[in-house]
C-alpha atoms as a PDB file:
ATOM      1  CA  MET A   1       2.090 -33.030  15.359  1.00  0.00           C
ATOM      2  CA  ASN A   2       3.764 -30.080  13.568  1.00  0.00           C
ATOM      3  CA  HIS A   3       3.767 -26.481  14.785  1.00  0.00           C
ATOM      4  CA  ALA A   4       1.123 -25.339  12.289  1.00  0.00           C
ATOM      5  CA  THR A   5      -1.232 -28.061  13.521  1.00  0.00           C
ATOM      6  CA  GLU A   6      -0.539 -26.951  17.102  1.00  0.00           C
ATOM      7  CA  ASP A   7      -1.392 -23.353  16.101  1.00  0.00           C
ATOM      8  CA  ARG A   8      -4.690 -24.488  14.623  1.00  0.00           C
ATOM      9  CA  ALA A   9      -5.794 -26.513  17.679  1.00  0.00           C
ATOM     10  CA  PRO A  10      -6.684 -23.492  19.899  1.00  0.00           C
ATOM     11  CA  ALA A  11      -8.253 -21.718  16.927  1.00  0.00           C
ATOM     12  CA  ASP A  12     -10.534 -24.711  16.358  1.00  0.00           C
ATOM     13  CA  ARG A  13     -12.004 -24.225  19.850  1.00  0.00           C
ATOM     14  CA  LEU A  14     -13.149 -20.675  19.022  1.00  0.00           C
ATOM     15  CA  PRO A  15     -15.846 -19.441  16.631  1.00  0.00           C
ATOM     16  CA  ASP A  16     -14.534 -18.942  13.083  1.00  0.00           C
ATOM     17  CA  ASP A  17     -15.151 -15.181  13.213  1.00  0.00           C
ATOM     18  CA  ASP A  18     -13.341 -14.658  16.551  1.00  0.00           C
ATOM     19  CA  VAL A  19     -10.356 -12.343  16.016  1.00  0.00           C
ATOM     20  CA  ILE A  20      -8.045 -14.651  17.970  1.00  0.00           C
ATOM     21  CA  ALA A  21      -9.149 -17.695  15.956  1.00  0.00           C
ATOM     22  CA  ILE A  22      -8.491 -15.803  12.729  1.00  0.00           C
ATOM     23  CA  LEU A  23      -5.037 -14.673  13.869  1.00  0.00           C
ATOM     24  CA  LEU A  24      -4.062 -18.148  15.109  1.00  0.00           C
ATOM     25  CA  GLU A  25      -5.133 -19.637  11.788  1.00  0.00           C
ATOM     26  CA  GLN A  26      -3.032 -17.023  10.003  1.00  0.00           C
ATOM     27  CA  HIS A  27      -0.027 -17.881  12.188  1.00  0.00           C
ATOM     28  CA  ALA A  28      -0.466 -21.513  11.132  1.00  0.00           C
ATOM     29  CA  ARG A  29      -0.760 -20.495   7.467  1.00  0.00           C
ATOM     30  CA  VAL A  30       2.458 -18.474   7.728  1.00  0.00           C
ATOM     31  CA  ARG A  31       4.264 -21.512   9.200  1.00  0.00           C
ATOM     32  CA  ASP A  32       2.963 -23.653   6.330  1.00  0.00           C
ATOM     33  CA  LEU A  33       4.108 -21.102   3.760  1.00  0.00           C
ATOM     34  CA  PHE A  34       7.627 -20.823   5.194  1.00  0.00           C
ATOM     35  CA  GLY A  35       7.920 -24.603   4.964  1.00  0.00           C
ATOM     36  CA  ALA A  36       6.517 -24.649   1.442  1.00  0.00           C
ATOM     37  CA  VAL A  37       8.856 -21.915   0.178  1.00  0.00           C
ATOM     38  CA  LEU A  38      11.921 -23.521   1.755  1.00  0.00           C
ATOM     39  CA  GLY A  39      10.891 -26.955   0.466  1.00  0.00           C
ATOM     40  CA  ALA A  40      10.044 -25.900  -3.082  1.00  0.00           C
ATOM     41  CA  GLU A  41      12.380 -27.318  -5.702  1.00  0.00           C
ATOM     42  CA  ASP A  42      10.906 -25.599  -8.739  1.00  0.00           C
ATOM     43  CA  GLU A  43      11.863 -21.907  -9.002  1.00  0.00           C
ATOM     44  CA  THR A  44       8.468 -20.897 -10.390  1.00  0.00           C
ATOM     45  CA  ASP A  45       6.665 -22.575  -7.482  1.00  0.00           C
ATOM     46  CA  LYS A  46       9.127 -21.115  -4.988  1.00  0.00           C
ATOM     47  CA  ARG A  47       8.632 -17.605  -6.387  1.00  0.00           C
ATOM     48  CA  ARG A  48       4.822 -17.977  -6.338  1.00  0.00           C
ATOM     49  CA  LEU A  49       4.866 -19.305  -2.776  1.00  0.00           C
ATOM     50  CA  PHE A  50       7.179 -16.525  -1.631  1.00  0.00           C
ATOM     51  CA  HIS A  51       4.841 -13.907  -3.113  1.00  0.00           C
ATOM     52  CA  GLU A  52       1.972 -15.549  -1.238  1.00  0.00           C
ATOM     53  CA  LEU A  53       4.012 -15.549   1.981  1.00  0.00           C
ATOM     54  CA  ARG A  54       4.977 -11.909   1.491  1.00  0.00           C
ATOM     55  CA  ALA A  55       1.361 -10.854   0.940  1.00  0.00           C
ATOM     56  CA  THR A  56       0.103 -12.964   3.840  1.00  0.00           C
ATOM     57  CA  LEU A  57       2.648 -11.459   6.234  1.00  0.00           C
ATOM     58  CA  ALA A  58       2.058  -7.880   5.065  1.00  0.00           C
ATOM     59  CA  VAL A  59      -1.729  -8.154   5.329  1.00  0.00           C
ATOM     60  CA  HIS A  60      -1.574 -10.017   8.653  1.00  0.00           C
ATOM     61  CA  GLU A  61       0.720  -7.504  10.350  1.00  0.00           C
ATOM     62  CA  ALA A  62      -1.316  -4.534   9.112  1.00  0.00           C
ATOM     63  CA  GLY A  63      -4.496  -6.153  10.424  1.00  0.00           C
ATOM     64  CA  GLU A  64      -2.967  -6.766  13.837  1.00  0.00           C
ATOM     65  CA  GLU A  65      -1.811  -3.184  14.130  1.00  0.00           C
ATOM     66  CA  MET A  66      -5.114  -1.736  12.996  1.00  0.00           C
ATOM     67  CA  VAL A  67      -7.467  -4.019  14.943  1.00  0.00           C
ATOM     68  CA  LEU A  68      -5.787  -6.087  17.665  1.00  0.00           C
ATOM     69  CA  ARG A  69      -3.337  -3.618  19.205  1.00  0.00           C
ATOM     70  CA  ARG A  70      -5.979  -1.267  20.639  1.00  0.00           C
ATOM     71  CA  ALA A  71      -7.467  -4.098  22.694  1.00  0.00           C
ATOM     72  CA  SER A  72      -4.016  -5.462  23.515  1.00  0.00           C
ATOM     73  CA  CYS A  73      -2.884  -2.109  24.816  1.00  0.00           C
ATOM     74  CA  LYS A  74      -5.922  -1.963  27.089  1.00  0.00           C
ATOM     75  CA  TYR A  75      -5.474  -5.459  28.515  1.00  0.00           C
ATOM     76  CA  VAL A  76      -1.695  -6.005  28.435  1.00  0.00           C
ATOM     77  CA  GLY A  77      -0.298  -2.498  28.417  1.00  0.00           C
ATOM     78  CA  SER A  78       1.638  -0.334  26.045  1.00  0.00           C
ATOM     79  CA  ASP A  79       5.031  -1.887  26.856  1.00  0.00           C
ATOM     80  CA  VAL A  80       3.924  -5.236  25.395  1.00  0.00           C
ATOM     81  CA  THR A  81       2.181  -3.722  22.368  1.00  0.00           C
ATOM     82  CA  GLU A  82       5.160  -1.478  21.660  1.00  0.00           C
ATOM     83  CA  ALA A  83       7.451  -4.515  21.788  1.00  0.00           C
ATOM     84  CA  ARG A  84       5.205  -6.350  19.282  1.00  0.00           C
ATOM     85  CA  ASN A  85       5.088  -3.293  17.003  1.00  0.00           C
ATOM     86  CA  GLU A  86       8.880  -3.022  17.154  1.00  0.00           C
ATOM     87  CA  GLU A  87       9.201  -6.695  16.190  1.00  0.00           C
ATOM     88  CA  GLU A  88       6.834  -6.079  13.284  1.00  0.00           C
ATOM     89  CA  GLU A  89       9.040  -3.199  12.126  1.00  0.00           C
ATOM     90  CA  HIS A  90      12.075  -5.527  12.089  1.00  0.00           C
ATOM     91  CA  ILE A  91      10.097  -8.214  10.271  1.00  0.00           C
ATOM     92  CA  THR A  92       8.882  -5.733   7.671  1.00  0.00           C
ATOM     93  CA  ARG A  93      12.394  -4.423   7.057  1.00  0.00           C
ATOM     94  CA  ALA A  94      13.740  -7.976   6.723  1.00  0.00           C
ATOM     95  CA  LEU A  95      10.910  -8.866   4.347  1.00  0.00           C
ATOM     96  CA  ALA A  96      11.610  -5.759   2.253  1.00  0.00           C
ATOM     97  CA  ASP A  97      15.320  -6.681   2.131  1.00  0.00           C
ATOM     98  CA  LEU A  98      14.472 -10.259   1.142  1.00  0.00           C
ATOM     99  CA  GLU A  99      12.118  -9.069  -1.573  1.00  0.00           C
ATOM    100  CA  VAL A 100      15.037  -7.746  -3.643  1.00  0.00           C
ATOM    101  CA  PHE A 101      16.605 -11.217  -3.895  1.00  0.00           C
ATOM    102  CA  ASP A 102      15.513 -13.636  -6.556  1.00  0.00           C
ATOM    103  CA  VAL A 103      14.542 -16.991  -5.050  1.00  0.00           C
ATOM    104  CA  SER A 104      17.373 -18.641  -7.034  1.00  0.00           C
ATOM    105  CA  ARG A 105      20.127 -16.611  -5.334  1.00  0.00           C
ATOM    106  CA  LEU A 106      22.238 -18.367  -2.713  1.00  0.00           C
ATOM    107  CA  GLU A 107      21.442 -15.647  -0.159  1.00  0.00           C
ATOM    108  CA  PHE A 108      17.698 -16.194  -0.400  1.00  0.00           C
ATOM    109  CA  ASP A 109      17.204 -19.335   1.725  1.00  0.00           C
ATOM    110  CA  PRO A 110      19.436 -18.230   4.643  1.00  0.00           C
ATOM    111  CA  ALA A 111      17.722 -14.823   4.672  1.00  0.00           C
ATOM    112  CA  LEU A 112      14.311 -16.504   4.561  1.00  0.00           C
ATOM    113  CA  ARG A 113      15.290 -18.747   7.498  1.00  0.00           C
ATOM    114  CA  ARG A 114      16.319 -15.668   9.522  1.00  0.00           C
ATOM    115  CA  LEU A 115      12.973 -14.071   8.696  1.00  0.00           C
ATOM    116  CA  GLU A 116      11.191 -17.267   9.720  1.00  0.00           C
ATOM    117  CA  GLN A 117      12.940 -17.178  13.111  1.00  0.00           C
ATOM    118  CA  MET A 118      11.899 -13.547  13.624  1.00  0.00           C
ATOM    119  CA  VAL A 119       8.286 -14.276  12.680  1.00  0.00           C
ATOM    120  CA  THR A 120       8.138 -17.409  14.841  1.00  0.00           C
ATOM    121  CA  HIS A 121       9.426 -15.480  17.869  1.00  0.00           C
ATOM    122  CA  HIS A 122       6.985 -12.641  17.229  1.00  0.00           C
ATOM    123  CA  ASN A 123       4.001 -14.977  16.837  1.00  0.00           C
ATOM    124  CA  THR A 124       4.972 -16.902  19.965  1.00  0.00           C
ATOM    125  CA  MET A 125       5.117 -13.675  21.985  1.00  0.00           C
ATOM    126  CA  GLU A 126       1.695 -12.623  20.685  1.00  0.00           C
ATOM    127  CA  GLU A 127       0.252 -16.010  21.569  1.00  0.00           C
ATOM    128  CA  ARG A 128       1.733 -15.883  25.091  1.00  0.00           C
ATOM    129  CA  GLU A 129       1.324 -12.228  26.006  1.00  0.00           C
ATOM    130  CA  GLU A 130      -1.498 -10.756  23.943  1.00  0.00           C
ATOM    131  CA  PHE A 131      -3.981 -13.371  22.831  1.00  0.00           C
ATOM    132  CA  PRO A 132      -4.804 -14.820  26.289  1.00  0.00           C
ATOM    133  CA  GLN A 133      -5.409 -11.343  27.700  1.00  0.00           C
ATOM    134  CA  VAL A 134      -7.652 -10.338  24.807  1.00  0.00           C
ATOM    135  CA  LEU A 135      -9.553 -13.625  25.170  1.00  0.00           C
ATOM    136  CA  GLU A 136     -10.042 -12.921  28.867  1.00  0.00           C
ATOM    137  CA  GLY A 137     -10.713  -9.183  28.618  1.00  0.00           C
ATOM    138  CA  CYS A 138     -13.013  -9.052  25.600  1.00  0.00           C
ATOM    139  CA  SER A 139     -16.408 -10.680  25.370  1.00  0.00           C
ATOM    140  CA  PRO A 140     -17.073 -13.191  22.578  1.00  0.00           C
ATOM    141  CA  GLU A 141     -19.228 -10.511  20.923  1.00  0.00           C
ATOM    142  CA  GLN A 142     -16.369  -7.975  21.036  1.00  0.00           C
ATOM    143  CA  ARG A 143     -13.935 -10.529  19.613  1.00  0.00           C
ATOM    144  CA  ARG A 144     -16.377 -11.377  16.795  1.00  0.00           C
ATOM    145  CA  HIS A 145     -16.730  -7.661  16.022  1.00  0.00           C
ATOM    146  CA  MET A 146     -12.933  -7.380  15.956  1.00  0.00           C
ATOM    147  CA  GLY A 147     -12.799 -10.421  13.691  1.00  0.00           C
ATOM    148  CA  HIS A 148     -15.184  -8.771  11.223  1.00  0.00           C
ATOM    149  CA  ARG A 149     -13.129  -5.553  11.345  1.00  0.00           C
ATOM    150  CA  LEU A 150      -9.956  -7.564  10.750  1.00  0.00           C
ATOM    151  CA  ARG A 151     -11.459  -9.245   7.678  1.00  0.00           C
ATOM    152  CA  THR A 152     -12.526  -5.833   6.329  1.00  0.00           C
ATOM    153  CA  VAL A 153      -9.126  -4.242   6.985  1.00  0.00           C
ATOM    154  CA  GLU A 154      -7.375  -7.122   5.236  1.00  0.00           C
ATOM    155  CA  LYS A 155      -9.198  -6.337   2.002  1.00  0.00           C
ATOM    156  CA  PHE A 156      -7.498  -2.934   1.930  1.00  0.00           C
ATOM    157  CA  ALA A 157      -4.143  -3.768   3.542  1.00  0.00           C
ATOM    158  CA  PRO A 158      -0.869  -3.556   1.621  1.00  0.00           C
ATOM    159  CA  THR A 159       0.366  -6.825   0.113  1.00  0.00           C
ATOM    160  CA  ARG A 160       4.019  -5.786   0.205  1.00  0.00           C
ATOM    161  CA  PRO A 161       6.269  -4.602   3.031  1.00  0.00           C
ATOM    162  CA  HIS A 162       6.229  -0.852   3.752  1.00  0.00           C
ATOM    163  CA  PRO A 163       8.702  -0.204   6.580  1.00  0.00           C
ATOM    164  CA  GLY A 164       7.689   3.462   6.878  1.00  0.00           C
ATOM    165  CA  VAL A 165       4.103   2.574   7.776  1.00  0.00           C
ATOM    166  CA  VAL A 166       4.646  -0.297  10.221  1.00  0.00           C
ATOM    167  CA  GLY A 167       4.415   0.269  13.955  1.00  0.00           C
ATOM    168  CA  SER A 168       1.708   2.909  13.867  1.00  0.00           C
ATOM    169  CA  ALA A 169      -1.976   2.143  13.565  1.00  0.00           C
ATOM    170  CA  SER A 170      -2.676   5.717  12.485  1.00  0.00           C
ATOM    171  CA  SER A 171      -0.114   5.449   9.666  1.00  0.00           C
ATOM    172  CA  GLN A 172      -1.664   2.149   8.640  1.00  0.00           C
ATOM    173  CA  TRP A 173      -5.115   3.787   8.515  1.00  0.00           C
ATOM    174  CA  MET A 174      -3.906   6.878   6.645  1.00  0.00           C
ATOM    175  CA  ILE A 175      -1.294   5.496   4.250  1.00  0.00           C
ATOM    176  CA  GLY A 176      -2.116   1.784   4.126  1.00  0.00           C
ATOM    177  CA  PRO A 177      -5.025   1.992   1.651  1.00  0.00           C
ATOM    178  CA  PHE A 178      -2.918   3.992  -0.834  1.00  0.00           C
ATOM    179  CA  ALA A 179       0.031   1.623  -0.440  1.00  0.00           C
ATOM    180  CA  SER A 180      -2.395  -1.280  -0.902  1.00  0.00           C
ATOM    181  CA  LEU A 181      -3.702   0.139  -4.145  1.00  0.00           C
ATOM    182  CA  LEU A 182      -0.169   0.473  -5.517  1.00  0.00           C
ATOM    183  CA  ASP A 183       0.748  -3.012  -4.283  1.00  0.00           C
ATOM    184  CA  ARG A 184      -2.263  -4.592  -5.904  1.00  0.00           C
ATOM    185  CA  VAL A 185      -1.526  -2.853  -9.207  1.00  0.00           C
ATOM    186  CA  LYS A 186       2.070  -4.147  -9.042  1.00  0.00           C
ATOM    187  CA  ASP A 187       0.784  -7.603  -8.149  1.00  0.00           C
ATOM    188  CA  ALA A 188      -1.587  -7.578 -11.128  1.00  0.00           C
ATOM    189  CA  MET A 189       1.146  -6.378 -13.494  1.00  0.00           C
ATOM    190  CA  GLU A 190       3.439  -9.147 -12.256  1.00  0.00           C
ATOM    191  CA  GLY A 191       0.671 -11.735 -12.417  1.00  0.00           C
ATOM    192  CA  VAL A 192       0.874 -12.341  -8.665  1.00  0.00           C
ATOM    193  CA  GLY A 193      -2.309 -13.409  -6.882  1.00  0.00           C
ATOM    194  CA  HIS A 194      -3.220 -11.977  -3.511  1.00  0.00           C
ATOM    195  CA  ARG A 195      -5.780 -12.498  -0.815  1.00  0.00           C
END
């Protein structure tokens, strides 16, 4: 069984609209995308898959900050949520740095592998420290409500890394929609699909 399948197993035991199920499924999707980008032999496919990975990560992290972290802070404390937000800042900076490389450059794959390690560590910490506490502390109804909020937020979240916005839910709420609009215009001009 691969790691993405392992990520999906706990999500399958929760309702589809549960915030934790959604986030676990996204963690699995991110794992799949890292593997697909690193395994792609055709540059066009690799570029397309990287753009999908970039958008998935950007939207996912914004959603966590805007929806999950409030509950996490309540049930696990600010030291844990601050650590996760700090990791997200590092991930966003690394993703922004990686974005300037073309997928054909020699530096791309090693930089992508470093990013993958950062993301894997971050997701593992969320799954160990945050998700179980939110599952225990929030009712199924609260988690479904959070899941619906997460899905709504994702429609307006940036699809590209914005290091100046990451780490602050209030910045995400204030600046994120404007950054998202610009990102989606850039995506359309470049012919890049997004979620």
